Amino acid sequence: MERAYRSVFSSLEGQVVLADLAAESGMYQAPPVDLDMRQSGYLDGRKAMLARILSMIRIPPEEHAALQQATRLETLPDLEEE
């Protein structure tokens, strides 16, 4: 199973999807302070799914740092030029 996960997420497209999943899960963002228990549990579940993927593909620390950077770029607002 780990080999299958690595095969999927080692491709260029897989890396793009992984960055999108990390951005959507909020893995590298602090949660809003006004969440109720249900909302907090929902966000924790999203993060847990990404954590499972990351544990299956066993990326080295330097690739993990690159994923964090790609996630930050993914979550930046699109700025239109004037």
C-alpha atoms as a PDB file:
ATOM      1  CA  MET A   1       0.000   0.000   0.000  1.00  0.00           C
ATOM      2  CA  GLU A   2       2.832   2.402   0.828  1.00  0.00           C
ATOM      3  CA  ARG A   3       4.358   1.784  -2.593  1.00  0.00           C
ATOM      4  CA  ALA A   4       1.038   2.654  -4.243  1.00  0.00           C
ATOM      5  CA  TYR A   5       0.758   5.906  -2.256  1.00  0.00           C
ATOM      6  CA  ARG A   6       4.348   6.860  -3.119  1.00  0.00           C
ATOM      7  CA  SER A   7       3.737   6.091  -6.780  1.00  0.00           C
ATOM      8  CA  VAL A   8       0.676   8.328  -6.875  1.00  0.00           C
ATOM      9  CA  PHE A   9       2.138  11.252  -4.946  1.00  0.00           C
ATOM     10  CA  SER A  10       5.676  11.188  -6.385  1.00  0.00           C
ATOM     11  CA  SER A  11       4.547  12.352  -9.826  1.00  0.00           C
ATOM     12  CA  LEU A  12       4.396  16.058 -10.636  1.00  0.00           C
ATOM     13  CA  GLU A  13       0.601  15.914 -10.699  1.00  0.00           C
ATOM     14  CA  GLY A  14       0.587  14.036  -7.400  1.00  0.00           C
ATOM     15  CA  GLN A  15       2.739  16.705  -5.797  1.00  0.00           C
ATOM     16  CA  VAL A  16       0.342  19.407  -7.002  1.00  0.00           C
ATOM     17  CA  VAL A  17      -2.596  17.460  -5.579  1.00  0.00           C
ATOM     18  CA  LEU A  18      -0.738  16.943  -2.304  1.00  0.00           C
ATOM     19  CA  ALA A  19      -0.104  20.693  -1.978  1.00  0.00           C
ATOM     20  CA  ASP A  20      -3.783  21.342  -2.682  1.00  0.00           C
ATOM     21  CA  LEU A  21      -4.853  18.783  -0.072  1.00  0.00           C
ATOM     22  CA  ALA A  22      -2.494  20.353   2.456  1.00  0.00           C
ATOM     23  CA  ALA A  23      -3.924  23.795   1.724  1.00  0.00           C
ATOM     24  CA  GLU A  24      -7.540  22.590   1.893  1.00  0.00           C
ATOM     25  CA  SER A  25      -6.968  20.641   5.094  1.00  0.00           C
ATOM     26  CA  GLY A  26      -5.447  23.630   6.874  1.00  0.00           C
ATOM     27  CA  MET A  27      -2.586  21.396   7.994  1.00  0.00           C
ATOM     28  CA  TYR A  28      -0.111  24.255   8.262  1.00  0.00           C
ATOM     29  CA  GLN A  29      -2.519  26.918   9.502  1.00  0.00           C
ATOM     30  CA  ALA A  30      -3.714  27.747  12.987  1.00  0.00           C
ATOM     31  CA  PRO A  31      -7.455  27.105  13.340  1.00  0.00           C
ATOM     32  CA  PRO A  32      -9.779  30.035  13.978  1.00  0.00           C
ATOM     33  CA  VAL A  33     -10.206  30.671  17.688  1.00  0.00           C
ATOM     34  CA  ASP A  34     -14.010  30.764  17.600  1.00  0.00           C
ATOM     35  CA  LEU A  35     -14.635  27.176  16.441  1.00  0.00           C
ATOM     36  CA  ASP A  36     -17.198  25.063  18.201  1.00  0.00           C
ATOM     37  CA  MET A  37     -16.470  21.404  19.037  1.00  0.00           C
ATOM     38  CA  ARG A  38     -18.134  20.108  15.853  1.00  0.00           C
ATOM     39  CA  GLN A  39     -16.197  22.457  13.565  1.00  0.00           C
ATOM     40  CA  SER A  40     -12.974  21.689  15.397  1.00  0.00           C
ATOM     41  CA  GLY A  41     -13.546  17.943  15.008  1.00  0.00           C
ATOM     42  CA  TYR A  42     -14.242  18.384  11.308  1.00  0.00           C
ATOM     43  CA  LEU A  43     -10.974  20.269  10.786  1.00  0.00           C
ATOM     44  CA  ASP A  44      -9.081  17.687  12.838  1.00  0.00           C
ATOM     45  CA  GLY A  45     -10.480  14.947  10.589  1.00  0.00           C
ATOM     46  CA  ARG A  46      -9.293  16.741   7.468  1.00  0.00           C
ATOM     47  CA  LYS A  47      -5.829  17.127   8.957  1.00  0.00           C
ATOM     48  CA  ALA A  48      -5.798  13.465  10.042  1.00  0.00           C
ATOM     49  CA  MET A  49      -6.439  12.304   6.470  1.00  0.00           C
ATOM     50  CA  LEU A  50      -3.518  14.354   5.172  1.00  0.00           C
ATOM     51  CA  ALA A  51      -1.356  13.074   8.045  1.00  0.00           C
ATOM     52  CA  ARG A  52      -2.164   9.511   6.933  1.00  0.00           C
ATOM     53  CA  ILE A  53      -1.103  10.283   3.367  1.00  0.00           C
ATOM     54  CA  LEU A  54       2.131  11.882   4.592  1.00  0.00           C
ATOM     55  CA  SER A  55       2.879   8.883   6.802  1.00  0.00           C
ATOM     56  CA  MET A  56       2.308   6.510   3.880  1.00  0.00           C
ATOM     57  CA  ILE A  57       4.612   8.335   1.473  1.00  0.00           C
ATOM     58  CA  ARG A  58       7.338   8.990   4.083  1.00  0.00           C
ATOM     59  CA  ILE A  59       8.710  12.160   2.572  1.00  0.00           C
ATOM     60  CA  PRO A  60      12.107  13.344   3.816  1.00  0.00           C
ATOM     61  CA  PRO A  61      12.318  16.583   5.844  1.00  0.00           C
ATOM     62  CA  GLU A  62      13.488  18.693   2.892  1.00  0.00           C
ATOM     63  CA  GLU A  63      10.491  17.565   0.806  1.00  0.00           C
ATOM     64  CA  HIS A  64       8.201  18.235   3.753  1.00  0.00           C
ATOM     65  CA  ALA A  65       9.546  21.802   3.912  1.00  0.00           C
ATOM     66  CA  ALA A  66       8.908  22.156   0.167  1.00  0.00           C
ATOM     67  CA  LEU A  67       5.333  20.927   0.694  1.00  0.00           C
ATOM     68  CA  GLN A  68       4.811  23.564   3.390  1.00  0.00           C
ATOM     69  CA  GLN A  69       6.112  26.230   1.014  1.00  0.00           C
ATOM     70  CA  ALA A  70       3.890  25.003  -1.836  1.00  0.00           C
ATOM     71  CA  THR A  71       0.931  25.012   0.534  1.00  0.00           C
ATOM     72  CA  ARG A  72       1.592  28.605   1.524  1.00  0.00           C
ATOM     73  CA  LEU A  73       1.718  29.584  -2.148  1.00  0.00           C
ATOM     74  CA  GLU A  74      -1.522  27.675  -2.746  1.00  0.00           C
ATOM     75  CA  THR A  75      -3.324  29.565   0.002  1.00  0.00           C
ATOM     76  CA  LEU A  76      -2.156  33.060  -0.941  1.00  0.00           C
ATOM     77  CA  PRO A  77      -4.936  35.159  -2.404  1.00  0.00           C
ATOM     78  CA  ASP A  78      -4.754  35.717  -6.132  1.00  0.00           C
ATOM     79  CA  LEU A  79      -3.608  39.286  -6.666  1.00  0.00           C
ATOM     80  CA  GLU A  80      -4.694  40.857  -9.891  1.00  0.00           C
ATOM     81  CA  GLU A  81      -2.376  43.346 -11.489  1.00  0.00           C
ATOM     82  CA  GLU A  82      -3.787  46.823 -11.842  1.00  0.00           C
END
